[in-house]
Amino acid sequence: MFKGTEGRSLEVLADEVRRGGRFVFYQYCFSVLIMSFKRPSPIYYIPPGQSALTQGLLWSAISFFVGWWGFPWGFIWTPMVIFKNFMGGTDVTPEALSDLGIDLSAPAVAAPAPATLGFIQFLTGPLAGQAFSVPEGGMYIGSAPAQGALTVQDPVVAPQHCWIGPDASGATVLIDTGSLTGTFVVNATASTQVQQVVLQPGDQVFLGGQGGPVFQFGH
């Protein structure tokens, strides 16, 4: 096991290496009396976006404090290994991947798309033109930002105006959660203020009635 790979599956490592992750080792030098020794560190995994310099500081510090004393190799090796470590160490990514059995030439397996109940697209209001997926667990719509909610900043939209999600049968329902301005659904047959309704593709929902934001439901 290489340092820094703990908790990562082979699939995750392969994906991260494709995005710039790499495996490196550092060098350090130490001297005992007149004898000097140069050794490699363990191999470290450096995730994408992280600098390899940090992991090399320990080995550079060891070399700086105990590497100089041997003559002549302590004077020669110490600045060499410190410079190499500050440059990011020695890259051994191909060898490490081979040891792990990771073949980057194999096509990456795409993660499955999250399950959704459909989507809503705003036709008017502050989010006009934007579309949002309805997650499998449902979501609230309102003017107050909240985790798991879609925020619509409009005066006629209540802080927690309505909820869209599955009912017991798996159908997608819209529930008004006590808004004062109301929730209205317009479809091919009627325009109705609703407390709860099963949504059908093409239904248009008015938050707060005429003049409020409007979105259309679809699959």
N, C-alpha and C. Protein backbone atom coordinates (compact mmCIF):
# COMPACT_ATOMS: atom_id res chain seq x y z
N MET A 1 0.85 -1.20 0.00
CA MET A 1 0.00 0.00 0.00
C MET A 1 0.88 1.24 0.00
N PHE A 2 0.65 2.13 -0.96
CA PHE A 2 1.42 3.37 -1.03
C PHE A 2 0.80 4.42 -0.12
N LYS A 3 1.63 5.25 0.45
CA LYS A 3 1.14 6.30 1.35
C LYS A 3 0.24 7.27 0.58
N GLY A 4 -0.91 7.57 1.17
CA GLY A 4 -1.84 8.50 0.55
C GLY A 4 -2.96 7.84 -0.23
N THR A 5 -2.89 6.50 -0.40
CA THR A 5 -3.95 5.82 -1.15
C THR A 5 -5.01 5.23 -0.23
N GLU A 6 -4.85 5.38 1.07
CA GLU A 6 -5.79 4.79 2.02
C GLU A 6 -7.22 5.28 1.75
N GLY A 7 -8.15 4.34 1.71
CA GLY A 7 -9.56 4.70 1.51
C GLY A 7 -9.95 4.92 0.07
N ARG A 8 -9.03 4.77 -0.86
CA ARG A 8 -9.34 4.95 -2.28
C ARG A 8 -9.39 3.60 -2.98
N SER A 9 -10.43 3.37 -3.74
CA SER A 9 -10.51 2.15 -4.53
C SER A 9 -9.61 2.29 -5.76
N LEU A 10 -9.35 1.15 -6.43
CA LEU A 10 -8.54 1.19 -7.65
C LEU A 10 -9.21 2.04 -8.72
N GLU A 11 -10.55 1.99 -8.77
CA GLU A 11 -11.27 2.78 -9.78
C GLU A 11 -11.09 4.28 -9.52
N VAL A 12 -11.14 4.67 -8.24
CA VAL A 12 -10.97 6.07 -7.89
C VAL A 12 -9.54 6.52 -8.21
N LEU A 13 -8.57 5.67 -7.87
CA LEU A 13 -7.18 6.02 -8.17
C LEU A 13 -6.96 6.19 -9.67
N ALA A 14 -7.52 5.27 -10.47
CA ALA A 14 -7.36 5.38 -11.91
C ALA A 14 -7.96 6.68 -12.42
N ASP A 15 -9.13 7.03 -11.94
CA ASP A 15 -9.77 8.28 -12.38
C ASP A 15 -8.94 9.49 -11.98
N GLU A 16 -8.41 9.48 -10.74
CA GLU A 16 -7.64 10.63 -10.28
C GLU A 16 -6.31 10.75 -11.03
N VAL A 17 -5.68 9.62 -11.34
CA VAL A 17 -4.42 9.69 -12.10
C VAL A 17 -4.69 10.25 -13.50
N ARG A 18 -5.82 9.89 -14.09
CA ARG A 18 -6.17 10.45 -15.39
C ARG A 18 -6.32 11.97 -15.30
N ARG A 19 -6.68 12.46 -14.11
CA ARG A 19 -6.88 13.90 -13.93
C ARG A 19 -5.66 14.59 -13.32
N GLY A 20 -4.55 13.86 -13.24
CA GLY A 20 -3.31 14.52 -12.81
C GLY A 20 -2.68 13.98 -11.56
N GLY A 21 -3.29 12.99 -10.89
CA GLY A 21 -2.66 12.38 -9.73
C GLY A 21 -1.39 11.64 -10.12
N ARG A 22 -0.45 11.51 -9.18
CA ARG A 22 0.79 10.80 -9.52
C ARG A 22 1.42 10.20 -8.28
N PHE A 23 2.33 9.28 -8.51
CA PHE A 23 3.07 8.62 -7.45
C PHE A 23 4.53 9.08 -7.51
N VAL A 24 5.08 9.46 -6.36
CA VAL A 24 6.46 9.94 -6.34
C VAL A 24 7.17 9.39 -5.11
N PHE A 25 8.50 9.37 -5.19
CA PHE A 25 9.29 9.15 -3.99
C PHE A 25 10.31 10.27 -3.87
N TYR A 26 10.79 10.46 -2.64
CA TYR A 26 11.78 11.49 -2.36
C TYR A 26 13.09 10.82 -1.96
N GLN A 27 14.12 11.60 -1.83
CA GLN A 27 15.40 11.08 -1.37
C GLN A 27 15.84 11.84 -0.12
N TYR A 28 16.63 11.18 0.67
CA TYR A 28 17.21 11.86 1.83
C TYR A 28 18.64 11.35 2.02
N CYS A 29 19.42 12.16 2.69
CA CYS A 29 20.83 11.86 2.90
C CYS A 29 21.13 12.01 4.39
N PHE A 30 21.91 11.11 4.92
CA PHE A 30 22.36 11.26 6.31
C PHE A 30 23.81 10.77 6.40
N SER A 31 24.53 11.34 7.35
CA SER A 31 25.95 11.03 7.50
C SER A 31 26.23 10.54 8.92
N VAL A 32 27.10 9.56 9.01
CA VAL A 32 27.57 9.04 10.29
C VAL A 32 29.08 9.13 10.27
N LEU A 33 29.60 10.02 11.12
CA LEU A 33 31.02 10.31 11.12
C LEU A 33 31.43 10.77 9.72
N ILE A 34 32.29 10.02 9.04
CA ILE A 34 32.73 10.46 7.71
C ILE A 34 32.00 9.74 6.59
N MET A 35 31.08 8.86 6.96
CA MET A 35 30.35 8.10 5.94
C MET A 35 28.99 8.74 5.67
N SER A 36 28.60 8.81 4.42
CA SER A 36 27.31 9.37 4.03
C SER A 36 26.49 8.32 3.30
N PHE A 37 25.16 8.43 3.45
CA PHE A 37 24.25 7.46 2.85
C PHE A 37 23.10 8.22 2.19
N LYS A 38 22.71 7.76 1.02
CA LYS A 38 21.56 8.34 0.30
C LYS A 38 20.52 7.25 0.14
N ARG A 39 19.28 7.56 0.54
CA ARG A 39 18.24 6.55 0.55
C ARG A 39 16.95 7.13 -0.05
N PRO A 40 16.08 6.25 -0.61
CA PRO A 40 14.77 6.70 -1.10
C PRO A 40 13.73 6.65 0.03
N SER A 41 12.77 7.53 -0.05
CA SER A 41 11.64 7.50 0.88
C SER A 41 10.63 6.46 0.41
N PRO A 42 9.58 6.18 1.22
CA PRO A 42 8.45 5.41 0.68
C PRO A 42 7.81 6.16 -0.49
N ILE A 43 7.02 5.44 -1.27
CA ILE A 43 6.31 6.06 -2.39
C ILE A 43 5.03 6.71 -1.88
N TYR A 44 4.81 7.93 -2.30
CA TYR A 44 3.63 8.70 -1.90
C TYR A 44 2.71 8.89 -3.10
N TYR A 45 1.38 8.88 -2.81
CA TYR A 45 0.40 9.23 -3.84
C TYR A 45 0.04 10.69 -3.65
N ILE A 46 0.14 11.48 -4.72
CA ILE A 46 -0.20 12.90 -4.71
C ILE A 46 -1.48 13.10 -5.53
N PRO A 47 -2.62 13.39 -4.90
CA PRO A 47 -3.87 13.55 -5.64
C PRO A 47 -3.81 14.74 -6.61
N PRO A 48 -4.68 14.76 -7.61
CA PRO A 48 -4.69 15.89 -8.55
C PRO A 48 -4.97 17.20 -7.82
N GLY A 49 -4.26 18.22 -8.21
CA GLY A 49 -4.45 19.53 -7.61
C GLY A 49 -3.61 19.79 -6.38
N GLN A 50 -2.93 18.77 -5.84
CA GLN A 50 -2.08 18.95 -4.67
C GLN A 50 -0.62 19.03 -5.08
N SER A 51 0.13 19.82 -4.33
CA SER A 51 1.55 19.97 -4.60
C SER A 51 2.32 18.80 -4.00
N ALA A 52 3.31 18.30 -4.74
CA ALA A 52 4.16 17.24 -4.23
C ALA A 52 5.22 17.76 -3.27
N LEU A 53 5.36 19.07 -3.17
CA LEU A 53 6.40 19.66 -2.33
C LEU A 53 6.19 19.34 -0.86
N THR A 54 4.93 19.37 -0.40
CA THR A 54 4.65 19.22 1.03
C THR A 54 5.16 17.90 1.59
N GLN A 55 4.89 16.80 0.89
CA GLN A 55 5.31 15.49 1.38
C GLN A 55 6.83 15.36 1.41
N GLY A 56 7.52 16.13 0.61
CA GLY A 56 8.97 16.04 0.56
C GLY A 56 9.70 16.85 1.61
N LEU A 57 8.97 17.70 2.36
CA LEU A 57 9.63 18.57 3.33
C LEU A 57 10.34 17.78 4.43
N LEU A 58 9.71 16.70 4.90
CA LEU A 58 10.34 15.90 5.96
C LEU A 58 11.69 15.37 5.51
N TRP A 59 11.74 14.82 4.31
CA TRP A 59 12.97 14.21 3.83
C TRP A 59 14.03 15.26 3.52
N SER A 60 13.61 16.43 3.09
CA SER A 60 14.56 17.51 2.90
C SER A 60 15.12 18.00 4.23
N ALA A 61 14.25 18.05 5.26
CA ALA A 61 14.71 18.48 6.57
C ALA A 61 15.72 17.50 7.16
N ILE A 62 15.46 16.21 7.01
CA ILE A 62 16.43 15.21 7.49
C ILE A 62 17.78 15.42 6.83
N SER A 63 17.74 15.62 5.52
CA SER A 63 18.99 15.82 4.79
C SER A 63 19.70 17.09 5.23
N PHE A 64 18.92 18.15 5.46
CA PHE A 64 19.51 19.43 5.83
C PHE A 64 20.23 19.35 7.17
N PHE A 65 19.64 18.62 8.12
CA PHE A 65 20.20 18.60 9.47
C PHE A 65 21.27 17.53 9.68
N VAL A 66 21.18 16.40 8.99
CA VAL A 66 22.14 15.32 9.27
C VAL A 66 22.85 14.82 8.03
N GLY A 67 22.71 15.52 6.91
CA GLY A 67 23.32 15.03 5.69
C GLY A 67 24.70 15.57 5.39
N TRP A 68 25.04 16.72 5.97
CA TRP A 68 26.25 17.42 5.54
C TRP A 68 27.56 16.78 6.03
N TRP A 69 27.50 16.04 7.14
CA TRP A 69 28.71 15.82 7.92
C TRP A 69 29.73 14.90 7.25
N GLY A 70 29.28 14.02 6.41
CA GLY A 70 30.25 13.14 5.74
C GLY A 70 30.98 13.86 4.61
N PHE A 71 32.23 13.57 4.47
CA PHE A 71 33.02 14.22 3.41
C PHE A 71 33.63 13.14 2.51
N PRO A 72 33.45 13.24 1.19
CA PRO A 72 32.88 14.40 0.47
C PRO A 72 31.41 14.26 0.12
N TRP A 73 30.85 13.02 0.24
CA TRP A 73 29.53 12.77 -0.33
C TRP A 73 28.41 13.50 0.39
N GLY A 74 28.57 13.75 1.69
CA GLY A 74 27.55 14.52 2.39
C GLY A 74 27.37 15.90 1.79
N PHE A 75 28.50 16.55 1.44
CA PHE A 75 28.44 17.88 0.84
C PHE A 75 27.87 17.83 -0.58
N ILE A 76 28.05 16.72 -1.26
CA ILE A 76 27.58 16.59 -2.64
C ILE A 76 26.12 16.18 -2.69
N TRP A 77 25.75 15.13 -1.91
CA TRP A 77 24.40 14.58 -2.00
C TRP A 77 23.34 15.47 -1.36
N THR A 78 23.69 16.12 -0.25
CA THR A 78 22.67 16.88 0.48
C THR A 78 21.99 17.94 -0.38
N PRO A 79 22.71 18.85 -1.02
CA PRO A 79 22.00 19.83 -1.87
C PRO A 79 21.30 19.18 -3.06
N MET A 80 21.83 18.05 -3.54
CA MET A 80 21.19 17.38 -4.67
C MET A 80 19.81 16.86 -4.29
N VAL A 81 19.72 16.16 -3.12
CA VAL A 81 18.42 15.57 -2.76
C VAL A 81 17.43 16.65 -2.35
N ILE A 82 17.93 17.70 -1.70
CA ILE A 82 17.01 18.78 -1.31
C ILE A 82 16.44 19.45 -2.56
N PHE A 83 17.27 19.70 -3.55
CA PHE A 83 16.79 20.30 -4.79
C PHE A 83 15.77 19.39 -5.48
N LYS A 84 16.09 18.09 -5.55
CA LYS A 84 15.19 17.14 -6.20
C LYS A 84 13.85 17.08 -5.49
N ASN A 85 13.87 17.10 -4.15
CA ASN A 85 12.61 17.06 -3.39
C ASN A 85 11.78 18.31 -3.61
N PHE A 86 12.44 19.47 -3.68
CA PHE A 86 11.71 20.70 -3.91
C PHE A 86 11.16 20.77 -5.32
N MET A 87 11.68 19.98 -6.22
CA MET A 87 11.14 19.91 -7.57
C MET A 87 10.00 18.90 -7.69
N GLY A 88 9.61 18.29 -6.56
CA GLY A 88 8.48 17.38 -6.57
C GLY A 88 8.83 15.91 -6.49
N GLY A 89 10.10 15.59 -6.25
CA GLY A 89 10.49 14.19 -6.12
C GLY A 89 10.64 13.51 -7.47
N THR A 90 10.74 12.20 -7.41
CA THR A 90 10.90 11.38 -8.61
C THR A 90 9.58 10.70 -8.94
N ASP A 91 9.08 10.94 -10.14
CA ASP A 91 7.79 10.40 -10.55
C ASP A 91 7.92 8.92 -10.93
N VAL A 92 7.16 8.07 -10.25
CA VAL A 92 7.16 6.63 -10.55
C VAL A 92 5.72 6.15 -10.79
N THR A 93 4.91 7.03 -11.37
CA THR A 93 3.50 6.68 -11.58
C THR A 93 3.31 5.42 -12.42
N PRO A 94 3.99 5.25 -13.56
CA PRO A 94 3.78 4.02 -14.34
C PRO A 94 4.10 2.76 -13.55
N GLU A 95 5.21 2.78 -12.80
CA GLU A 95 5.59 1.60 -12.02
C GLU A 95 4.58 1.31 -10.91
N ALA A 96 4.09 2.38 -10.24
CA ALA A 96 3.12 2.18 -9.16
C ALA A 96 1.80 1.64 -9.69
N LEU A 97 1.35 2.17 -10.83
CA LEU A 97 0.10 1.67 -11.42
C LEU A 97 0.25 0.20 -11.81
N SER A 98 1.41 -0.15 -12.32
CA SER A 98 1.64 -1.55 -12.67
C SER A 98 1.57 -2.44 -11.44
N ASP A 99 2.17 -2.00 -10.34
CA ASP A 99 2.13 -2.78 -9.10
C ASP A 99 0.70 -2.94 -8.59
N LEU A 100 -0.11 -1.90 -8.80
CA LEU A 100 -1.50 -1.94 -8.32
C LEU A 100 -2.42 -2.68 -9.29
N GLY A 101 -1.94 -2.98 -10.49
CA GLY A 101 -2.78 -3.65 -11.48
C GLY A 101 -3.75 -2.73 -12.17
N ILE A 102 -3.42 -1.44 -12.24
CA ILE A 102 -4.30 -0.46 -12.88
C ILE A 102 -3.83 -0.24 -14.31
N ASP A 103 -4.74 -0.41 -15.26
CA ASP A 103 -4.43 -0.21 -16.67
C ASP A 103 -5.19 1.02 -17.16
N LEU A 104 -4.47 2.11 -17.36
CA LEU A 104 -5.13 3.34 -17.79
C LEU A 104 -5.57 3.30 -19.25
N SER A 105 -5.11 2.29 -20.00
CA SER A 105 -5.55 2.20 -21.39
C SER A 105 -6.97 1.65 -21.48
N ALA A 106 -7.45 1.03 -20.40
CA ALA A 106 -8.83 0.54 -20.38
C ALA A 106 -9.77 1.73 -20.27
N PRO A 107 -10.90 1.72 -20.96
CA PRO A 107 -11.82 2.86 -20.90
C PRO A 107 -12.37 3.03 -19.50
N ALA A 108 -12.50 4.30 -19.10
CA ALA A 108 -13.07 4.60 -17.78
C ALA A 108 -14.54 4.25 -17.77
N VAL A 109 -15.00 3.70 -16.67
CA VAL A 109 -16.42 3.37 -16.53
C VAL A 109 -17.14 4.57 -15.96
N ALA A 110 -18.09 5.06 -16.71
CA ALA A 110 -18.83 6.24 -16.26
C ALA A 110 -19.71 5.89 -15.07
N ALA A 111 -19.77 6.82 -14.11
CA ALA A 111 -20.64 6.62 -12.96
C ALA A 111 -22.10 6.69 -13.41
N PRO A 112 -22.96 5.84 -12.84
CA PRO A 112 -24.37 5.89 -13.24
C PRO A 112 -24.98 7.24 -12.91
N ALA A 113 -25.83 7.70 -13.78
CA ALA A 113 -26.49 8.98 -13.55
C ALA A 113 -27.46 8.85 -12.38
N PRO A 114 -27.53 9.88 -11.53
CA PRO A 114 -28.45 9.81 -10.41
C PRO A 114 -29.90 9.69 -10.88
N ALA A 115 -30.68 8.91 -10.15
CA ALA A 115 -32.07 8.70 -10.51
C ALA A 115 -32.86 9.99 -10.29
N THR A 116 -33.74 10.30 -11.22
CA THR A 116 -34.56 11.50 -11.09
C THR A 116 -36.01 11.15 -11.40
N LEU A 117 -36.89 12.07 -11.00
CA LEU A 117 -38.32 11.90 -11.25
C LEU A 117 -38.78 12.72 -12.44
N GLY A 118 -37.84 13.35 -13.13
CA GLY A 118 -38.19 14.23 -14.23
C GLY A 118 -37.43 15.54 -14.04
N PHE A 119 -37.93 16.58 -14.68
CA PHE A 119 -37.27 17.88 -14.56
C PHE A 119 -38.32 18.98 -14.62
N ILE A 120 -37.93 20.14 -14.14
CA ILE A 120 -38.77 21.32 -14.26
C ILE A 120 -37.96 22.39 -14.99
N GLN A 121 -38.62 23.13 -15.88
CA GLN A 121 -37.98 24.23 -16.58
C GLN A 121 -38.78 25.49 -16.35
N PHE A 122 -38.09 26.52 -15.85
CA PHE A 122 -38.78 27.77 -15.57
C PHE A 122 -39.00 28.55 -16.85
N LEU A 123 -40.23 29.00 -16.99
CA LEU A 123 -40.62 29.78 -18.17
C LEU A 123 -40.57 31.27 -17.89
N THR A 124 -40.87 31.67 -16.64
CA THR A 124 -40.81 33.07 -16.23
C THR A 124 -40.19 33.15 -14.84
N GLY A 125 -39.91 34.37 -14.40
CA GLY A 125 -39.35 34.56 -13.07
C GLY A 125 -37.83 34.64 -13.09
N PRO A 126 -37.23 34.73 -11.91
CA PRO A 126 -35.77 34.91 -11.82
C PRO A 126 -34.95 33.74 -12.38
N LEU A 127 -35.56 32.57 -12.50
CA LEU A 127 -34.85 31.40 -13.03
C LEU A 127 -35.29 31.06 -14.45
N ALA A 128 -35.90 32.00 -15.14
CA ALA A 128 -36.43 31.74 -16.49
C ALA A 128 -35.34 31.19 -17.40
N GLY A 129 -35.69 30.12 -18.12
CA GLY A 129 -34.78 29.48 -19.04
C GLY A 129 -33.92 28.39 -18.43
N GLN A 130 -33.97 28.24 -17.11
CA GLN A 130 -33.15 27.23 -16.45
C GLN A 130 -33.98 25.98 -16.16
N ALA A 131 -33.32 24.83 -16.27
CA ALA A 131 -33.99 23.54 -16.01
C ALA A 131 -33.29 22.85 -14.85
N PHE A 132 -34.07 22.12 -14.05
CA PHE A 132 -33.54 21.45 -12.87
C PHE A 132 -34.14 20.05 -12.79
N SER A 133 -33.29 19.07 -12.48
CA SER A 133 -33.78 17.71 -12.28
C SER A 133 -34.47 17.61 -10.93
N VAL A 134 -35.52 16.81 -10.88
CA VAL A 134 -36.20 16.53 -9.62
C VAL A 134 -35.59 15.25 -9.05
N PRO A 135 -34.87 15.32 -7.93
CA PRO A 135 -34.20 14.12 -7.41
C PRO A 135 -35.19 13.05 -6.97
N GLU A 136 -34.70 11.82 -6.90
CA GLU A 136 -35.56 10.69 -6.56
C GLU A 136 -36.25 10.88 -5.21
N GLY A 137 -35.58 11.57 -4.30
CA GLY A 137 -36.18 11.79 -2.98
C GLY A 137 -37.06 13.02 -2.90
N GLY A 138 -37.19 13.76 -4.00
CA GLY A 138 -38.01 14.95 -4.00
C GLY A 138 -37.22 16.19 -3.59
N MET A 139 -37.87 17.36 -3.71
CA MET A 139 -37.21 18.61 -3.30
C MET A 139 -38.26 19.67 -3.00
N TYR A 140 -37.88 20.60 -2.12
CA TYR A 140 -38.71 21.76 -1.83
C TYR A 140 -38.36 22.90 -2.78
N ILE A 141 -39.33 23.74 -3.02
CA ILE A 141 -39.12 24.96 -3.78
C ILE A 141 -39.60 26.12 -2.92
N GLY A 142 -38.78 27.15 -2.77
CA GLY A 142 -39.17 28.28 -1.95
C GLY A 142 -38.19 29.42 -2.08
N SER A 143 -38.48 30.52 -1.39
CA SER A 143 -37.63 31.71 -1.48
C SER A 143 -36.52 31.72 -0.45
N ALA A 144 -36.58 30.82 0.54
CA ALA A 144 -35.55 30.78 1.57
C ALA A 144 -34.53 29.71 1.23
N PRO A 145 -33.27 30.09 1.09
CA PRO A 145 -32.24 29.08 0.79
C PRO A 145 -32.18 28.02 1.88
N ALA A 146 -32.16 26.77 1.48
CA ALA A 146 -32.09 25.67 2.44
C ALA A 146 -31.46 24.48 1.74
N GLN A 147 -30.84 23.63 2.53
CA GLN A 147 -30.20 22.45 1.96
C GLN A 147 -31.27 21.55 1.33
N GLY A 148 -31.01 21.12 0.11
CA GLY A 148 -31.96 20.23 -0.57
C GLY A 148 -33.13 20.95 -1.18
N ALA A 149 -33.10 22.30 -1.20
CA ALA A 149 -34.22 23.07 -1.75
C ALA A 149 -33.76 23.86 -2.97
N LEU A 150 -34.73 24.13 -3.84
CA LEU A 150 -34.49 24.99 -4.99
C LEU A 150 -34.98 26.39 -4.62
N THR A 151 -34.08 27.36 -4.65
CA THR A 151 -34.40 28.70 -4.19
C THR A 151 -34.87 29.57 -5.35
N VAL A 152 -36.06 30.16 -5.17
CA VAL A 152 -36.64 31.08 -6.16
C VAL A 152 -36.91 32.40 -5.44
N GLN A 153 -36.06 33.38 -5.68
CA GLN A 153 -36.20 34.67 -5.01
C GLN A 153 -37.24 35.52 -5.72
N ASP A 154 -38.45 35.50 -5.21
CA ASP A 154 -39.54 36.28 -5.79
C ASP A 154 -40.50 36.65 -4.65
N PRO A 155 -41.05 37.88 -4.64
CA PRO A 155 -41.91 38.32 -3.52
C PRO A 155 -43.13 37.44 -3.29
N VAL A 156 -43.67 36.80 -4.34
CA VAL A 156 -44.89 36.02 -4.16
C VAL A 156 -44.60 34.57 -3.78
N VAL A 157 -43.33 34.19 -3.71
CA VAL A 157 -42.96 32.82 -3.38
C VAL A 157 -42.69 32.72 -1.88
N ALA A 158 -43.36 31.78 -1.21
CA ALA A 158 -43.19 31.60 0.22
C ALA A 158 -41.81 30.99 0.52
N PRO A 159 -41.31 31.16 1.76
CA PRO A 159 -40.01 30.58 2.09
C PRO A 159 -39.92 29.10 1.77
N GLN A 160 -40.98 28.35 2.06
CA GLN A 160 -41.06 26.94 1.67
C GLN A 160 -42.41 26.77 0.99
N HIS A 161 -42.42 27.01 -0.32
CA HIS A 161 -43.68 27.18 -1.03
C HIS A 161 -44.35 25.84 -1.35
N CYS A 162 -43.58 24.90 -1.91
CA CYS A 162 -44.17 23.62 -2.31
C CYS A 162 -43.10 22.54 -2.33
N TRP A 163 -43.56 21.33 -2.52
CA TRP A 163 -42.66 20.18 -2.57
C TRP A 163 -43.03 19.33 -3.78
N ILE A 164 -42.01 18.85 -4.50
CA ILE A 164 -42.21 17.93 -5.61
C ILE A 164 -41.47 16.64 -5.28
N GLY A 165 -42.16 15.53 -5.39
CA GLY A 165 -41.52 14.26 -5.08
C GLY A 165 -42.45 13.10 -5.34
N PRO A 166 -42.03 11.89 -4.96
CA PRO A 166 -42.84 10.71 -5.24
C PRO A 166 -43.91 10.49 -4.18
N ASP A 167 -45.05 9.94 -4.61
CA ASP A 167 -46.03 9.48 -3.63
C ASP A 167 -45.84 7.98 -3.43
N ALA A 168 -46.74 7.36 -2.69
CA ALA A 168 -46.58 5.95 -2.35
C ALA A 168 -46.58 5.05 -3.58
N SER A 169 -47.23 5.49 -4.65
CA SER A 169 -47.30 4.67 -5.86
C SER A 169 -46.13 4.92 -6.81
N GLY A 170 -45.30 5.92 -6.49
CA GLY A 170 -44.17 6.25 -7.36
C GLY A 170 -44.45 7.37 -8.33
N ALA A 171 -45.70 7.88 -8.35
CA ALA A 171 -46.02 9.01 -9.22
C ALA A 171 -45.40 10.29 -8.67
N THR A 172 -45.14 11.25 -9.54
CA THR A 172 -44.56 12.53 -9.13
C THR A 172 -45.69 13.47 -8.75
N VAL A 173 -45.66 13.93 -7.50
CA VAL A 173 -46.73 14.80 -7.01
C VAL A 173 -46.17 16.17 -6.64
N LEU A 174 -47.04 17.16 -6.71
CA LEU A 174 -46.74 18.51 -6.26
C LEU A 174 -47.63 18.79 -5.05
N ILE A 175 -47.03 19.25 -3.95
CA ILE A 175 -47.79 19.54 -2.74
C ILE A 175 -47.50 20.97 -2.32
N ASP A 176 -48.55 21.79 -2.20
CA ASP A 176 -48.39 23.13 -1.64
C ASP A 176 -48.19 22.99 -0.14
N THR A 177 -47.10 23.56 0.39
CA THR A 177 -46.76 23.35 1.80
C THR A 177 -47.20 24.52 2.68
N GLY A 178 -48.37 25.07 2.37
CA GLY A 178 -48.95 26.11 3.21
C GLY A 178 -48.64 27.53 2.78
N SER A 179 -48.35 27.73 1.49
CA SER A 179 -48.06 29.09 1.01
C SER A 179 -49.32 29.94 1.08
N LEU A 180 -49.14 31.26 1.33
CA LEU A 180 -50.29 32.16 1.39
C LEU A 180 -50.77 32.58 0.01
N THR A 181 -49.87 32.60 -0.96
CA THR A 181 -50.24 33.07 -2.30
C THR A 181 -50.74 31.95 -3.20
N GLY A 182 -50.54 30.69 -2.79
CA GLY A 182 -51.11 29.57 -3.53
C GLY A 182 -50.22 29.03 -4.63
N THR A 183 -50.58 27.81 -5.07
CA THR A 183 -49.89 27.13 -6.16
C THR A 183 -50.94 26.70 -7.17
N PHE A 184 -50.74 27.01 -8.43
CA PHE A 184 -51.73 26.77 -9.46
C PHE A 184 -51.12 25.90 -10.55
N VAL A 185 -51.90 24.94 -11.04
CA VAL A 185 -51.44 24.05 -12.11
C VAL A 185 -52.34 24.27 -13.32
N VAL A 186 -51.70 24.49 -14.46
CA VAL A 186 -52.41 24.70 -15.71
C VAL A 186 -52.01 23.59 -16.66
N ASN A 187 -53.03 22.89 -17.17
CA ASN A 187 -52.76 21.85 -18.17
C ASN A 187 -53.76 21.99 -19.31
N ALA A 188 -53.87 20.99 -20.13
CA ALA A 188 -54.72 21.09 -21.32
C ALA A 188 -56.20 21.18 -20.99
N THR A 189 -56.56 20.77 -19.76
CA THR A 189 -57.99 20.71 -19.44
C THR A 189 -58.44 21.73 -18.41
N ALA A 190 -57.54 22.24 -17.56
CA ALA A 190 -58.00 23.11 -16.48
C ALA A 190 -56.87 23.97 -15.95
N SER A 191 -57.25 25.00 -15.22
CA SER A 191 -56.33 25.82 -14.45
C SER A 191 -56.85 25.82 -13.02
N THR A 192 -56.10 25.24 -12.10
CA THR A 192 -56.63 24.96 -10.78
C THR A 192 -55.62 25.31 -9.69
N GLN A 193 -56.13 25.93 -8.60
CA GLN A 193 -55.29 26.06 -7.41
C GLN A 193 -55.27 24.72 -6.70
N VAL A 194 -54.11 24.25 -6.31
CA VAL A 194 -54.00 22.89 -5.79
C VAL A 194 -53.35 22.88 -4.42
N GLN A 195 -53.68 21.86 -3.64
CA GLN A 195 -52.95 21.51 -2.44
C GLN A 195 -52.04 20.32 -2.71
N GLN A 196 -52.56 19.38 -3.51
CA GLN A 196 -51.76 18.23 -3.93
C GLN A 196 -52.29 17.74 -5.26
N VAL A 197 -51.35 17.44 -6.17
CA VAL A 197 -51.76 16.99 -7.49
C VAL A 197 -50.65 16.12 -8.08
N VAL A 198 -51.07 15.11 -8.85
CA VAL A 198 -50.09 14.31 -9.60
C VAL A 198 -49.72 15.08 -10.85
N LEU A 199 -48.43 15.32 -11.04
CA LEU A 199 -47.97 16.09 -12.20
C LEU A 199 -47.88 15.20 -13.43
N GLN A 200 -48.27 15.78 -14.56
CA GLN A 200 -48.15 15.12 -15.84
C GLN A 200 -47.20 15.92 -16.72
N PRO A 201 -46.46 15.27 -17.63
CA PRO A 201 -45.59 16.02 -18.53
C PRO A 201 -46.35 17.11 -19.26
N GLY A 202 -45.80 18.30 -19.26
CA GLY A 202 -46.44 19.44 -19.90
C GLY A 202 -47.20 20.33 -18.95
N ASP A 203 -47.49 19.86 -17.73
CA ASP A 203 -48.19 20.70 -16.75
C ASP A 203 -47.35 21.93 -16.45
N GLN A 204 -48.02 23.08 -16.37
CA GLN A 204 -47.35 24.32 -15.97
C GLN A 204 -47.79 24.70 -14.57
N VAL A 205 -46.82 25.07 -13.75
CA VAL A 205 -47.09 25.40 -12.35
C VAL A 205 -46.78 26.87 -12.13
N PHE A 206 -47.79 27.60 -11.61
CA PHE A 206 -47.65 29.01 -11.27
C PHE A 206 -47.47 29.12 -9.77
N LEU A 207 -46.34 29.67 -9.35
CA LEU A 207 -46.10 29.89 -7.93
C LEU A 207 -46.64 31.26 -7.56
N GLY A 208 -47.71 31.30 -6.77
CA GLY A 208 -48.30 32.56 -6.37
C GLY A 208 -49.31 33.12 -7.34
N GLY A 209 -49.70 32.33 -8.33
CA GLY A 209 -50.73 32.79 -9.25
C GLY A 209 -50.18 33.63 -10.38
N GLN A 210 -51.07 34.40 -11.01
CA GLN A 210 -50.65 35.22 -12.16
C GLN A 210 -49.58 36.22 -11.73
N GLY A 211 -48.54 36.31 -12.54
CA GLY A 211 -47.44 37.23 -12.21
C GLY A 211 -46.32 36.57 -11.46
N GLY A 212 -46.57 35.38 -10.90
CA GLY A 212 -45.52 34.68 -10.19
C GLY A 212 -44.68 33.82 -11.13
N PRO A 213 -43.58 33.28 -10.64
CA PRO A 213 -42.74 32.43 -11.48
C PRO A 213 -43.53 31.21 -11.98
N VAL A 214 -43.25 30.79 -13.21
CA VAL A 214 -43.93 29.65 -13.82
C VAL A 214 -42.89 28.64 -14.27
N PHE A 215 -43.13 27.36 -13.95
CA PHE A 215 -42.28 26.33 -14.49
C PHE A 215 -43.12 25.23 -15.10
N GLN A 216 -42.52 24.48 -16.00
CA GLN A 216 -43.19 23.37 -16.67
C GLN A 216 -42.52 22.05 -16.28
N PHE A 217 -43.35 21.06 -16.02
CA PHE A 217 -42.83 19.74 -15.63
C PHE A 217 -42.68 18.86 -16.86
N GLY A 218 -41.62 18.05 -16.86
CA GLY A 218 -41.42 17.13 -17.98
C GLY A 218 -40.59 15.94 -17.54
N HIS A 219 -40.52 14.93 -18.41
CA HIS A 219 -39.71 13.74 -18.15
C HIS A 219 -38.48 13.76 -19.04
